[in-house]
């Protein structure tokens, strides 16, 4: 799969995620895919288990993609995941094998205010 095709596949995945289309959202994963959440120490094995873990979440979710970068079998998406109107900043690292995601790692971070000592040095985004 060339880079343009992977980028289109990723866009379909994130669009389906934003629409809560749980079937289409998980088409991107291999049957034996692994999803890691390092901050909570969780590992979920298998496409159906990954899908089920997301369908049972009671929160209303929205996805805003900031950028997707990568090539070949390694792609990174930086996005804002809003749970019940509270934004969380996320980095998703996806490793592809045979055109589908074999391994994904997601890192989450909450927004914070700049330290007063550097406030005069930063641009607010």
PDB file of N, CA and C in Angstrom:
ATOM      1  N   UNK A   1       0.856  -1.171   0.000  1.00  0.00           N
ATOM      2  CA  UNK A   1       0.000   0.000   0.000  1.00  0.00           C
ATOM      3  C   UNK A   1       0.901   1.233   0.000  1.00  0.00           C
ATOM      4  N   UNK A   2       0.686   2.144  -0.947  1.00  0.00           N
ATOM      5  CA  UNK A   2       1.530   3.341  -0.999  1.00  0.00           C
ATOM      6  C   UNK A   2       1.070   4.357   0.047  1.00  0.00           C
ATOM      7  N   UNK A   3       1.894   5.374   0.260  1.00  0.00           N
ATOM      8  CA  UNK A   3       1.624   6.359   1.313  1.00  0.00           C
ATOM      9  C   UNK A   3       0.301   7.090   1.117  1.00  0.00           C
ATOM     10  N   UNK A   4      -0.049   7.391  -0.112  1.00  0.00           N
ATOM     11  CA  UNK A   4      -1.305   8.086  -0.375  1.00  0.00           C
ATOM     12  C   UNK A   4      -2.504   7.211   0.018  1.00  0.00           C
ATOM     13  N   UNK A   5      -2.409   5.932  -0.241  1.00  0.00           N
ATOM     14  CA  UNK A   5      -3.483   5.007   0.131  1.00  0.00           C
ATOM     15  C   UNK A   5      -3.581   4.854   1.649  1.00  0.00           C
ATOM     16  N   UNK A   6      -2.439   4.812   2.326  1.00  0.00           N
ATOM     17  CA  UNK A   6      -2.452   4.719   3.790  1.00  0.00           C
ATOM     18  C   UNK A   6      -3.079   5.976   4.385  1.00  0.00           C
ATOM     19  N   UNK A   7      -2.693   7.143   3.862  1.00  0.00           N
ATOM     20  CA  UNK A   7      -3.251   8.401   4.363  1.00  0.00           C
ATOM     21  C   UNK A   7      -4.777   8.419   4.184  1.00  0.00           C
ATOM     22  N   UNK A   8      -5.260   7.945   3.053  1.00  0.00           N
ATOM     23  CA  UNK A   8      -6.711   7.889   2.810  1.00  0.00           C
ATOM     24  C   UNK A   8      -7.377   6.909   3.776  1.00  0.00           C
ATOM     25  N   UNK A   9      -6.740   5.778   4.036  1.00  0.00           N
ATOM     26  CA  UNK A   9      -7.260   4.799   4.988  1.00  0.00           C
ATOM     27  C   UNK A   9      -7.335   5.397   6.389  1.00  0.00           C
ATOM     28  N   UNK A  10      -6.283   6.113   6.781  1.00  0.00           N
ATOM     29  CA  UNK A  10      -6.281   6.778   8.079  1.00  0.00           C
ATOM     30  C   UNK A  10      -7.388   7.826   8.176  1.00  0.00           C
ATOM     31  N   UNK A  11      -7.576   8.597   7.121  1.00  0.00           N
ATOM     32  CA  UNK A  11      -8.620   9.616   7.135  1.00  0.00           C
ATOM     33  C   UNK A  11      -9.992   8.973   7.306  1.00  0.00           C
ATOM     34  N   UNK A  12     -10.240   7.860   6.609  1.00  0.00           N
ATOM     35  CA  UNK A  12     -11.513   7.144   6.769  1.00  0.00           C
ATOM     36  C   UNK A  12     -11.681   6.654   8.212  1.00  0.00           C
ATOM     37  N   UNK A  13     -10.584   6.159   8.788  1.00  0.00           N
ATOM     38  CA  UNK A  13     -10.602   5.676  10.176  1.00  0.00           C
ATOM     39  C   UNK A  13     -10.990   6.797  11.142  1.00  0.00           C
ATOM     40  N   UNK A  14     -10.316   7.946  11.019  1.00  0.00           N
ATOM     41  CA  UNK A  14     -10.588   9.050  11.952  1.00  0.00           C
ATOM     42  C   UNK A  14     -11.972   9.660  11.699  1.00  0.00           C
ATOM     43  N   UNK A  15     -12.407   9.705  10.455  1.00  0.00           N
ATOM     44  CA  UNK A  15     -13.768  10.179  10.153  1.00  0.00           C
ATOM     45  C   UNK A  15     -14.805   9.245  10.788  1.00  0.00           C
ATOM     46  N   UNK A  16     -14.586   7.945  10.687  1.00  0.00           N
ATOM     47  CA  UNK A  16     -15.497   6.968  11.291  1.00  0.00           C
ATOM     48  C   UNK A  16     -15.460   7.074  12.815  1.00  0.00           C
ATOM     49  N   UNK A  17     -14.273   7.313  13.373  1.00  0.00           N
ATOM     50  CA  UNK A  17     -14.160   7.494  14.827  1.00  0.00           C
ATOM     51  C   UNK A  17     -14.987   8.677  15.272  1.00  0.00           C
ATOM     52  N   UNK A  18     -14.869   9.789  14.544  1.00  0.00           N
ATOM     53  CA  UNK A  18     -15.610  11.002  14.896  1.00  0.00           C
ATOM     54  C   UNK A  18     -17.119  10.800  14.770  1.00  0.00           C
ATOM     55  N   UNK A  19     -17.535   9.952  13.845  1.00  0.00           N
ATOM     56  CA  UNK A  19     -18.961   9.695  13.618  1.00  0.00           C
ATOM     57  C   UNK A  19     -19.507   8.562  14.495  1.00  0.00           C
ATOM     58  N   UNK A  20     -18.650   7.985  15.358  1.00  0.00           N
ATOM     59  CA  UNK A  20     -19.031   6.836  16.196  1.00  0.00           C
ATOM     60  C   UNK A  20     -19.531   5.663  15.351  1.00  0.00           C
ATOM     61  N   UNK A  21     -18.925   5.500  14.179  1.00  0.00           N
ATOM     62  CA  UNK A  21     -19.219   4.364  13.300  1.00  0.00           C
ATOM     63  C   UNK A  21     -18.231   3.252  13.672  1.00  0.00           C
ATOM     64  N   UNK A  22     -18.584   2.473  14.698  1.00  0.00           N
ATOM     65  CA  UNK A  22     -17.649   1.522  15.284  1.00  0.00           C
ATOM     66  C   UNK A  22     -17.244   0.397  14.344  1.00  0.00           C
ATOM     67  N   UNK A  23     -18.094   0.017  13.401  1.00  0.00           N
ATOM     68  CA  UNK A  23     -17.709  -1.013  12.427  1.00  0.00           C
ATOM     69  C   UNK A  23     -16.634  -0.479  11.491  1.00  0.00           C
ATOM     70  N   UNK A  24     -16.919   0.648  10.839  1.00  0.00           N
ATOM     71  CA  UNK A  24     -15.972   1.216   9.875  1.00  0.00           C
ATOM     72  C   UNK A  24     -14.687   1.679  10.560  1.00  0.00           C
ATOM     73  N   UNK A  25     -14.804   2.186  11.785  1.00  0.00           N
ATOM     74  CA  UNK A  25     -13.639   2.663  12.530  1.00  0.00           C
ATOM     75  C   UNK A  25     -12.597   1.557  12.712  1.00  0.00           C
ATOM     76  N   UNK A  26     -13.045   0.335  12.858  1.00  0.00           N
ATOM     77  CA  UNK A  26     -12.131  -0.757  13.184  1.00  0.00           C
ATOM     78  C   UNK A  26     -11.729  -1.614  11.984  1.00  0.00           C
ATOM     79  N   UNK A  27     -12.172  -1.237  10.791  1.00  0.00           N
ATOM     80  CA  UNK A  27     -11.738  -1.928   9.572  1.00  0.00           C
ATOM     81  C   UNK A  27     -10.232  -1.819   9.369  1.00  0.00           C
ATOM     82  N   UNK A  28      -9.614  -0.807   9.945  1.00  0.00           N
ATOM     83  CA  UNK A  28      -8.194  -0.534   9.742  1.00  0.00           C
ATOM     84  C   UNK A  28      -7.291  -1.553  10.462  1.00  0.00           C
ATOM     85  N   UNK A  29      -7.846  -2.257  11.463  1.00  0.00           N
ATOM     86  CA  UNK A  29      -7.031  -3.143  12.299  1.00  0.00           C
ATOM     87  C   UNK A  29      -6.992  -4.576  11.785  1.00  0.00           C
ATOM     88  N   UNK A  30      -5.846  -5.206  11.926  1.00  0.00           N
ATOM     89  CA  UNK A  30      -5.726  -6.634  11.677  1.00  0.00           C
ATOM     90  C   UNK A  30      -6.498  -7.386  12.761  1.00  0.00           C
ATOM     91  N   UNK A  31      -6.888  -8.597  12.488  1.00  0.00           N
ATOM     92  CA  UNK A  31      -7.586  -9.415  13.493  1.00  0.00           C
ATOM     93  C   UNK A  31      -6.749  -9.582  14.755  1.00  0.00           C
ATOM     94  N   UNK A  32      -5.419  -9.662  14.603  1.00  0.00           N
ATOM     95  CA  UNK A  32      -4.528  -9.880  15.745  1.00  0.00           C
ATOM     96  C   UNK A  32      -3.847  -8.588  16.218  1.00  0.00           C
ATOM     97  N   UNK A  33      -4.440  -7.453  15.911  1.00  0.00           N
ATOM     98  CA  UNK A  33      -3.855  -6.161  16.288  1.00  0.00           C
ATOM     99  C   UNK A  33      -3.720  -6.040  17.808  1.00  0.00           C
ATOM    100  N   UNK A  34      -2.765  -5.190  18.204  1.00  0.00           N
ATOM    101  CA  UNK A  34      -2.527  -4.896  19.617  1.00  0.00           C
ATOM    102  C   UNK A  34      -2.614  -3.387  19.797  1.00  0.00           C
ATOM    103  N   UNK A  35      -3.321  -2.965  20.856  1.00  0.00           N
ATOM    104  CA  UNK A  35      -3.445  -1.551  21.204  1.00  0.00           C
ATOM    105  C   UNK A  35      -2.874  -1.355  22.600  1.00  0.00           C
ATOM    106  N   UNK A  36      -1.919  -0.425  22.731  1.00  0.00           N
ATOM    107  CA  UNK A  36      -1.310  -0.117  24.021  1.00  0.00           C
ATOM    108  C   UNK A  36      -1.654   1.286  24.466  1.00  0.00           C
ATOM    109  N   UNK A  37      -1.979   1.405  25.754  1.00  0.00           N
ATOM    110  CA  UNK A  37      -2.159   2.687  26.440  1.00  0.00           C
ATOM    111  C   UNK A  37      -1.088   2.737  27.542  1.00  0.00           C
ATOM    112  N   UNK A  38       0.116   3.257  27.245  1.00  0.00           N
ATOM    113  CA  UNK A  38       1.201   3.232  28.226  1.00  0.00           C
ATOM    114  C   UNK A  38       0.881   3.926  29.545  1.00  0.00           C
ATOM    115  N   UNK A  39       0.084   4.988  29.503  1.00  0.00           N
ATOM    116  CA  UNK A  39      -0.172   5.739  30.727  1.00  0.00           C
ATOM    117  C   UNK A  39      -1.017   4.953  31.734  1.00  0.00           C
ATOM    118  N   UNK A  40      -1.876   4.075  31.257  1.00  0.00           N
ATOM    119  CA  UNK A  40      -2.688   3.268  32.170  1.00  0.00           C
ATOM    120  C   UNK A  40      -2.155   1.845  32.292  1.00  0.00           C
ATOM    121  N   UNK A  41      -1.167   1.491  31.463  1.00  0.00           N
ATOM    122  CA  UNK A  41      -0.603   0.149  31.504  1.00  0.00           C
ATOM    123  C   UNK A  41      -1.484  -0.901  30.855  1.00  0.00           C
ATOM    124  N   UNK A  42      -2.464  -0.473  30.043  1.00  0.00           N
ATOM    125  CA  UNK A  42      -3.378  -1.423  29.410  1.00  0.00           C
ATOM    126  C   UNK A  42      -2.855  -1.870  28.045  1.00  0.00           C
ATOM    127  N   UNK A  43      -3.100  -3.123  27.744  1.00  0.00           N
ATOM    128  CA  UNK A  43      -2.844  -3.684  26.413  1.00  0.00           C
ATOM    129  C   UNK A  43      -4.091  -4.465  26.019  1.00  0.00           C
ATOM    130  N   UNK A  44      -4.602  -4.181  24.829  1.00  0.00           N
ATOM    131  CA  UNK A  44      -5.791  -4.862  24.329  1.00  0.00           C
ATOM    132  C   UNK A  44      -5.390  -5.616  23.072  1.00  0.00           C
ATOM    133  N   UNK A  45      -5.668  -6.904  23.060  1.00  0.00           N
ATOM    134  CA  UNK A  45      -5.297  -7.763  21.926  1.00  0.00           C
ATOM    135  C   UNK A  45      -6.537  -8.130  21.116  1.00  0.00           C
ATOM    136  N   UNK A  46      -6.416  -7.979  19.807  1.00  0.00           N
ATOM    137  CA  UNK A  46      -7.471  -8.409  18.904  1.00  0.00           C
ATOM    138  C   UNK A  46      -8.401  -7.280  18.495  1.00  0.00           C
ATOM    139  N   UNK A  47      -8.704  -7.247  17.194  1.00  0.00           N
ATOM    140  CA  UNK A  47      -9.558  -6.180  16.646  1.00  0.00           C
ATOM    141  C   UNK A  47     -10.906  -6.111  17.348  1.00  0.00           C
ATOM    142  N   UNK A  48     -11.549  -7.240  17.594  1.00  0.00           N
ATOM    143  CA  UNK A  48     -12.877  -7.232  18.234  1.00  0.00           C
ATOM    144  C   UNK A  48     -12.794  -6.707  19.667  1.00  0.00           C
ATOM    145  N   UNK A  49     -11.746  -7.033  20.386  1.00  0.00           N
ATOM    146  CA  UNK A  49     -11.595  -6.516  21.750  1.00  0.00           C
ATOM    147  C   UNK A  49     -11.330  -5.014  21.742  1.00  0.00           C
ATOM    148  N   UNK A  50     -10.538  -4.548  20.785  1.00  0.00           N
ATOM    149  CA  UNK A  50     -10.299  -3.101  20.653  1.00  0.00           C
ATOM    150  C   UNK A  50     -11.623  -2.401  20.374  1.00  0.00           C
ATOM    151  N   UNK A  51     -12.385  -2.950  19.437  1.00  0.00           N
ATOM    152  CA  UNK A  51     -13.679  -2.368  19.090  1.00  0.00           C
ATOM    153  C   UNK A  51     -14.617  -2.366  20.296  1.00  0.00           C
ATOM    154  N   UNK A  52     -14.702  -3.472  20.994  1.00  0.00           N
ATOM    155  CA  UNK A  52     -15.603  -3.556  22.140  1.00  0.00           C
ATOM    156  C   UNK A  52     -15.195  -2.565  23.229  1.00  0.00           C
ATOM    157  N   UNK A  53     -13.892  -2.388  23.440  1.00  0.00           N
ATOM    158  CA  UNK A  53     -13.442  -1.458  24.478  1.00  0.00           C
ATOM    159  C   UNK A  53     -13.913  -0.037  24.184  1.00  0.00           C
ATOM    160  N   UNK A  54     -14.071   0.280  22.921  1.00  0.00           N
ATOM    161  CA  UNK A  54     -14.507   1.621  22.538  1.00  0.00           C
ATOM    162  C   UNK A  54     -16.026   1.756  22.513  1.00  0.00           C
ATOM    163  N   UNK A  55     -16.725   0.691  22.187  1.00  0.00           N
ATOM    164  CA  UNK A  55     -18.186   0.785  22.128  1.00  0.00           C
ATOM    165  C   UNK A  55     -18.804   0.861  23.520  1.00  0.00           C
ATOM    166  N   UNK A  56     -18.126   0.357  24.538  1.00  0.00           N
ATOM    167  CA  UNK A  56     -18.694   0.373  25.893  1.00  0.00           C
ATOM    168  C   UNK A  56     -18.415   1.676  26.636  1.00  0.00           C
ATOM    169  N   UNK A  57     -17.607   2.560  26.068  1.00  0.00           N
ATOM    170  CA  UNK A  57     -17.345   3.849  26.708  1.00  0.00           C
ATOM    171  C   UNK A  57     -18.605   4.707  26.646  1.00  0.00           C
ATOM    172  N   UNK A  58     -19.040   5.227  27.787  1.00  0.00           N
ATOM    173  CA  UNK A  58     -20.283   5.998  27.796  1.00  0.00           C
ATOM    174  C   UNK A  58     -20.126   7.443  27.314  1.00  0.00           C
ATOM    175  N   UNK A  59     -18.897   7.902  27.150  1.00  0.00           N
ATOM    176  CA  UNK A  59     -18.658   9.303  26.809  1.00  0.00           C
ATOM    177  C   UNK A  59     -19.022   9.629  25.371  1.00  0.00           C
ATOM    178  N   UNK A  60     -19.464  10.862  25.168  1.00  0.00           N
ATOM    179  CA  UNK A  60     -19.641  11.398  23.819  1.00  0.00           C
ATOM    180  C   UNK A  60     -18.254  11.838  23.345  1.00  0.00           C
ATOM    181  N   UNK A  61     -17.816  11.322  22.195  1.00  0.00           N
ATOM    182  CA  UNK A  61     -16.462  11.589  21.714  1.00  0.00           C
ATOM    183  C   UNK A  61     -16.486  12.353  20.404  1.00  0.00           C
ATOM    184  N   UNK A  62     -15.522  13.240  20.255  1.00  0.00           N
ATOM    185  CA  UNK A  62     -15.282  13.954  18.992  1.00  0.00           C
ATOM    186  C   UNK A  62     -13.783  13.935  18.727  1.00  0.00           C
ATOM    187  N   UNK A  63     -13.413  13.831  17.454  1.00  0.00           N
ATOM    188  CA  UNK A  63     -12.016  13.758  17.038  1.00  0.00           C
ATOM    189  C   UNK A  63     -11.703  14.920  16.107  1.00  0.00           C
ATOM    190  N   UNK A  64     -10.662  15.670  16.415  1.00  0.00           N
ATOM    191  CA  UNK A  64     -10.194  16.747  15.555  1.00  0.00           C
ATOM    192  C   UNK A  64      -8.733  16.466  15.209  1.00  0.00           C
ATOM    193  N   UNK A  65      -8.485  16.142  13.962  1.00  0.00           N
ATOM    194  CA  UNK A  65      -7.129  15.802  13.523  1.00  0.00           C
ATOM    195  C   UNK A  65      -6.309  17.075  13.349  1.00  0.00           C
ATOM    196  N   UNK A  66      -5.151  17.091  13.964  1.00  0.00           N
ATOM    197  CA  UNK A  66      -4.232  18.215  13.798  1.00  0.00           C
ATOM    198  C   UNK A  66      -3.239  17.930  12.681  1.00  0.00           C
ATOM    199  N   UNK A  67      -2.722  16.696  12.633  1.00  0.00           N
ATOM    200  CA  UNK A  67      -1.843  16.307  11.530  1.00  0.00           C
ATOM    201  C   UNK A  67      -1.619  14.807  11.534  1.00  0.00           C
ATOM    202  N   UNK A  68      -1.343  14.300  10.327  1.00  0.00           N
ATOM    203  CA  UNK A  68      -0.971  12.900  10.133  1.00  0.00           C
ATOM    204  C   UNK A  68       0.354  12.904   9.386  1.00  0.00           C
ATOM    205  N   UNK A  69       1.325  12.214   9.922  1.00  0.00           N
ATOM    206  CA  UNK A  69       2.623  12.130   9.259  1.00  0.00           C
ATOM    207  C   UNK A  69       3.085  10.677   9.277  1.00  0.00           C
ATOM    208  N   UNK A  70       3.854  10.335   8.282  1.00  0.00           N
ATOM    209  CA  UNK A  70       4.399   8.990   8.238  1.00  0.00           C
ATOM    210  C   UNK A  70       4.726   8.575   6.830  1.00  0.00           C
ATOM    211  N   UNK A  71       5.223   7.366   6.731  1.00  0.00           N
ATOM    212  CA  UNK A  71       5.482   6.745   5.439  1.00  0.00           C
ATOM    213  C   UNK A  71       5.667   5.257   5.676  1.00  0.00           C
ATOM    214  N   UNK A  72       5.466   4.512   4.614  1.00  0.00           N
ATOM    215  CA  UNK A  72       5.633   3.066   4.727  1.00  0.00           C
ATOM    216  C   UNK A  72       4.694   2.487   5.763  1.00  0.00           C
ATOM    217  N   UNK A  73       5.270   1.763   6.719  1.00  0.00           N
ATOM    218  CA  UNK A  73       4.479   1.059   7.722  1.00  0.00           C
ATOM    219  C   UNK A  73       4.363   1.781   9.053  1.00  0.00           C
ATOM    220  N   UNK A  74       4.851   3.026   9.168  1.00  0.00           N
ATOM    221  CA  UNK A  74       4.797   3.759  10.426  1.00  0.00           C
ATOM    222  C   UNK A  74       4.128   5.117  10.233  1.00  0.00           C
ATOM    223  N   UNK A  75       3.006   5.331  10.931  1.00  0.00           N
ATOM    224  CA  UNK A  75       2.227   6.564  10.799  1.00  0.00           C
ATOM    225  C   UNK A  75       1.867   7.107  12.165  1.00  0.00           C
ATOM    226  N   UNK A  76       1.900   8.426  12.283  1.00  0.00           N
ATOM    227  CA  UNK A  76       1.598   9.110  13.530  1.00  0.00           C
ATOM    228  C   UNK A  76       0.492  10.118  13.269  1.00  0.00           C
ATOM    229  N   UNK A  77      -0.519  10.093  14.126  1.00  0.00           N
ATOM    230  CA  UNK A  77      -1.600  11.067  14.045  1.00  0.00           C
ATOM    231  C   UNK A  77      -1.635  11.832  15.364  1.00  0.00           C
ATOM    232  N   UNK A  78      -1.629  13.142  15.243  1.00  0.00           N
ATOM    233  CA  UNK A  78      -1.791  14.018  16.401  1.00  0.00           C
ATOM    234  C   UNK A  78      -3.203  14.582  16.311  1.00  0.00           C
ATOM    235  N   UNK A  79      -3.980  14.424  17.385  1.00  0.00           N
ATOM    236  CA  UNK A  79      -5.362  14.881  17.334  1.00  0.00           C
ATOM    237  C   UNK A  79      -5.860  15.304  18.708  1.00  0.00           C
ATOM    238  N   UNK A  80      -6.994  15.969  18.701  1.00  0.00           N
ATOM    239  CA  UNK A  80      -7.676  16.337  19.938  1.00  0.00           C
ATOM    240  C   UNK A  80      -8.884  15.423  20.059  1.00  0.00           C
ATOM    241  N   UNK A  81      -8.936  14.689  21.153  1.00  0.00           N
ATOM    242  CA  UNK A  81     -10.067  13.822  21.450  1.00  0.00           C
ATOM    243  C   UNK A  81     -10.866  14.519  22.541  1.00  0.00           C
ATOM    244  N   UNK A  82     -12.088  14.879  22.212  1.00  0.00           N
ATOM    245  CA  UNK A  82     -12.934  15.575  23.171  1.00  0.00           C
ATOM    246  C   UNK A  82     -13.934  14.581  23.744  1.00  0.00           C
ATOM    247  N   UNK A  83     -13.825  14.328  25.036  1.00  0.00           N
ATOM    248  CA  UNK A  83     -14.762  13.481  25.770  1.00  0.00           C
ATOM    249  C   UNK A  83     -15.718  14.386  26.519  1.00  0.00           C
ATOM    250  N   UNK A  84     -16.993  14.307  26.214  1.00  0.00           N
ATOM    251  CA  UNK A  84     -17.998  15.114  26.921  1.00  0.00           C
ATOM    252  C   UNK A  84     -17.555  16.567  27.058  1.00  0.00           C
ATOM    253  N   UNK A  85     -17.107  17.142  25.958  1.00  0.00           N
ATOM    254  CA  UNK A  85     -16.698  18.550  25.864  1.00  0.00           C
ATOM    255  C   UNK A  85     -15.384  18.882  26.575  1.00  0.00           C
ATOM    256  N   UNK A  86     -14.610  17.883  27.037  1.00  0.00           N
ATOM    257  CA  UNK A  86     -13.310  18.135  27.660  1.00  0.00           C
ATOM    258  C   UNK A  86     -12.218  17.616  26.712  1.00  0.00           C
ATOM    259  N   UNK A  87     -11.366  18.525  26.190  1.00  0.00           N
ATOM    260  CA  UNK A  87     -10.353  18.098  25.227  1.00  0.00           C
ATOM    261  C   UNK A  87      -9.167  17.380  25.878  1.00  0.00           C
ATOM    262  N   UNK A  88      -8.665  16.394  25.181  1.00  0.00           N
ATOM    263  CA  UNK A  88      -7.444  15.700  25.546  1.00  0.00           C
ATOM    264  C   UNK A  88      -6.588  15.637  24.285  1.00  0.00           C
ATOM    265  N   UNK A  89      -5.316  15.878  24.432  1.00  0.00           N
ATOM    266  CA  UNK A  89      -4.409  15.902  23.291  1.00  0.00           C
ATOM    267  C   UNK A  89      -3.777  14.524  23.173  1.00  0.00           C
ATOM    268  N   UNK A  90      -3.865  13.940  21.965  1.00  0.00           N
ATOM    269  CA  UNK A  90      -3.503  12.544  21.785  1.00  0.00           C
ATOM    270  C   UNK A  90      -2.514  12.395  20.631  1.00  0.00           C
ATOM    271  N   UNK A  91      -1.576  11.478  20.815  1.00  0.00           N
ATOM    272  CA  UNK A  91      -0.688  11.039  19.744  1.00  0.00           C
ATOM    273  C   UNK A  91      -0.922   9.541  19.568  1.00  0.00           C
ATOM    274  N   UNK A  92      -1.253   9.163  18.339  1.00  0.00           N
ATOM    275  CA  UNK A  92      -1.464   7.764  17.986  1.00  0.00           C
ATOM    276  C   UNK A  92      -0.332   7.336  17.060  1.00  0.00           C
ATOM    277  N   UNK A  93       0.355   6.282  17.442  1.00  0.00           N
ATOM    278  CA  UNK A  93       1.424   5.716  16.614  1.00  0.00           C
ATOM    279  C   UNK A  93       0.918   4.377  16.096  1.00  0.00           C
ATOM    280  N   UNK A  94       0.777   4.284  14.777  1.00  0.00           N
ATOM    281  CA  UNK A  94       0.258   3.063  14.157  1.00  0.00           C
ATOM    282  C   UNK A  94       1.330   2.402  13.309  1.00  0.00           C
ATOM    283  N   UNK A  95       1.496   1.112  13.529  1.00  0.00           N
ATOM    284  CA  UNK A  95       2.424   0.294  12.742  1.00  0.00           C
ATOM    285  C   UNK A  95       1.594  -0.637  11.866  1.00  0.00           C
ATOM    286  N   UNK A  96       1.788  -0.521  10.567  1.00  0.00           N
ATOM    287  CA  UNK A  96       1.026  -1.303   9.598  1.00  0.00           C
ATOM    288  C   UNK A  96       1.778  -2.566   9.198  1.00  0.00           C
ATOM    289  N   UNK A  97       1.008  -3.603   8.893  1.00  0.00           N
ATOM    290  CA  UNK A  97       1.551  -4.825   8.288  1.00  0.00           C
ATOM    291  C   UNK A  97       0.503  -5.316   7.297  1.00  0.00           C
ATOM    292  N   UNK A  98       0.920  -5.513   6.074  1.00  0.00           N
ATOM    293  CA  UNK A  98       0.015  -5.985   5.014  1.00  0.00           C
ATOM    294  C   UNK A  98      -1.208  -5.079   4.855  1.00  0.00           C
ATOM    295  N   UNK A  99      -0.997  -3.757   4.989  1.00  0.00           N
ATOM    296  CA  UNK A  99      -2.052  -2.792   4.725  1.00  0.00           C
ATOM    297  C   UNK A  99      -3.024  -2.536   5.858  1.00  0.00           C
ATOM    298  N   UNK A 100      -2.802  -3.156   7.026  1.00  0.00           N
ATOM    299  CA  UNK A 100      -3.669  -2.918   8.185  1.00  0.00           C
ATOM    300  C   UNK A 100      -2.807  -2.670   9.416  1.00  0.00           C
ATOM    301  N   UNK A 101      -3.426  -2.075  10.443  1.00  0.00           N
ATOM    302  CA  UNK A 101      -2.697  -1.765  11.673  1.00  0.00           C
ATOM    303  C   UNK A 101      -2.463  -3.050  12.474  1.00  0.00           C
ATOM    304  N   UNK A 102      -1.197  -3.314  12.740  1.00  0.00           N
ATOM    305  CA  UNK A 102      -0.819  -4.458  13.569  1.00  0.00           C
ATOM    306  C   UNK A 102      -0.621  -4.032  15.021  1.00  0.00           C
ATOM    307  N   UNK A 103      -0.160  -2.797  15.215  1.00  0.00           N
ATOM    308  CA  UNK A 103       0.100  -2.296  16.570  1.00  0.00           C
ATOM    309  C   UNK A 103      -0.157  -0.800  16.621  1.00  0.00           C
ATOM    310  N   UNK A 104      -0.872  -0.373  17.653  1.00  0.00           N
ATOM    311  CA  UNK A 104      -1.110   1.050  17.879  1.00  0.00           C
ATOM    312  C   UNK A 104      -0.776   1.372  19.327  1.00  0.00           C
ATOM    313  N   UNK A 105      -0.116   2.501  19.526  1.00  0.00           N
ATOM    314  CA  UNK A 105       0.141   3.032  20.859  1.00  0.00           C
ATOM    315  C   UNK A 105      -0.447   4.430  20.904  1.00  0.00           C
ATOM    316  N   UNK A 106      -1.210   4.722  21.963  1.00  0.00           N
ATOM    317  CA  UNK A 106      -1.822   6.043  22.109  1.00  0.00           C
ATOM    318  C   UNK A 106      -1.344   6.691  23.410  1.00  0.00           C
ATOM    319  N   UNK A 107      -0.915   7.958  23.279  1.00  0.00           N
ATOM    320  CA  UNK A 107      -0.483   8.764  24.418  1.00  0.00           C
ATOM    321  C   UNK A 107      -1.453   9.918  24.586  1.00  0.00           C
ATOM    322  N   UNK A 108      -1.901  10.172  25.811  1.00  0.00           N
ATOM    323  CA  UNK A 108      -2.880  11.218  26.118  1.00  0.00           C
ATOM    324  C   UNK A 108      -2.264  12.283  27.010  1.00  0.00           C
ATOM    325  N   UNK A 109      -2.655  13.535  26.783  1.00  0.00           N
ATOM    326  CA  UNK A 109      -2.202  14.644  27.633  1.00  0.00           C
ATOM    327  C   UNK A 109      -3.315  15.671  27.761  1.00  0.00           C
ATOM    328  N   UNK A 110      -3.443  16.229  28.946  1.00  0.00           N
ATOM    329  CA  UNK A 110      -4.413  17.297  29.176  1.00  0.00           C
ATOM    330  C   UNK A 110      -3.743  18.644  28.956  1.00  0.00           C
ATOM    331  N   UNK A 111      -4.543  19.630  28.635  1.00  0.00           N
ATOM    332  CA  UNK A 111      -4.062  20.996  28.430  1.00  0.00           C
ATOM    333  C   UNK A 111      -3.588  21.564  29.767  1.00  0.00           C
ATOM    334  N   UNK A 112      -2.564  22.425  29.731  1.00  0.00           N
ATOM    335  CA  UNK A 112      -2.101  23.119  30.933  1.00  0.00           C
ATOM    336  C   UNK A 112      -1.674  24.526  30.567  1.00  0.00           C
ATOM    337  N   UNK A 113      -1.664  25.393  31.545  1.00  0.00           N
ATOM    338  CA  UNK A 113      -1.279  26.788  31.350  1.00  0.00           C
ATOM    339  C   UNK A 113       0.238  26.912  31.357  1.00  0.00           C
ATOM    340  N   UNK A 114       0.789  27.848  30.560  1.00  0.00           N
ATOM    341  CA  UNK A 114       2.239  28.035  30.576  1.00  0.00           C
ATOM    342  C   UNK A 114       2.698  28.560  31.934  1.00  0.00           C
ATOM    343  N   UNK A 115       3.886  28.174  32.296  1.00  0.00           N
ATOM    344  CA  UNK A 115       4.464  28.646  33.554  1.00  0.00           C
ATOM    345  C   UNK A 115       4.683  30.152  33.466  1.00  0.00           C
ATOM    346  N   UNK A 116       4.431  30.874  34.550  1.00  0.00           N
ATOM    347  CA  UNK A 116       4.629  32.330  34.536  1.00  0.00           C
ATOM    348  C   UNK A 116       6.046  32.733  34.119  1.00  0.00           C
ATOM    349  N   UNK A 117       7.018  31.901  34.442  1.00  0.00           N
ATOM    350  CA  UNK A 117       8.408  32.246  34.129  1.00  0.00           C
ATOM    351  C   UNK A 117       8.686  32.284  32.631  1.00  0.00           C
ATOM    352  N   UNK A 118       7.882  31.610  31.835  1.00  0.00           N
ATOM    353  CA  UNK A 118       8.113  31.617  30.389  1.00  0.00           C
ATOM    354  C   UNK A 118       6.949  32.210  29.599  1.00  0.00           C
ATOM    355  N   UNK A 119       5.950  32.701  30.274  1.00  0.00           N
ATOM    356  CA  UNK A 119       4.745  33.220  29.602  1.00  0.00           C
ATOM    357  C   UNK A 119       5.083  34.301  28.585  1.00  0.00           C
ATOM    358  N   UNK A 120       6.090  35.113  28.843  1.00  0.00           N
ATOM    359  CA  UNK A 120       6.463  36.182  27.920  1.00  0.00           C
ATOM    360  C   UNK A 120       7.200  35.658  26.690  1.00  0.00           C
ATOM    361  N   UNK A 121       7.549  34.383  26.654  1.00  0.00           N
ATOM    362  CA  UNK A 121       8.314  33.795  25.557  1.00  0.00           C
ATOM    363  C   UNK A 121       7.473  32.972  24.585  1.00  0.00           C
ATOM    364  N   UNK A 122       6.242  32.686  24.974  1.00  0.00           N
ATOM    365  CA  UNK A 122       5.452  31.750  24.177  1.00  0.00           C
ATOM    366  C   UNK A 122       4.374  32.446  23.360  1.00  0.00           C
ATOM    367  N   UNK A 123       3.983  31.789  22.277  1.00  0.00           N
ATOM    368  CA  UNK A 123       2.829  32.199  21.498  1.00  0.00           C
ATOM    369  C   UNK A 123       1.689  31.287  21.903  1.00  0.00           C
ATOM    370  N   UNK A 124       0.524  31.833  22.109  1.00  0.00           N
ATOM    371  CA  UNK A 124      -0.634  31.022  22.488  1.00  0.00           C
ATOM    372  C   UNK A 124      -1.302  30.487  21.230  1.00  0.00           C
ATOM    373  N   UNK A 125      -1.557  29.181  21.213  1.00  0.00           N
ATOM    374  CA  UNK A 125      -2.174  28.555  20.043  1.00  0.00           C
ATOM    375  C   UNK A 125      -3.532  28.034  20.298  1.00  0.00           C
TER     376      UNK A 125
END
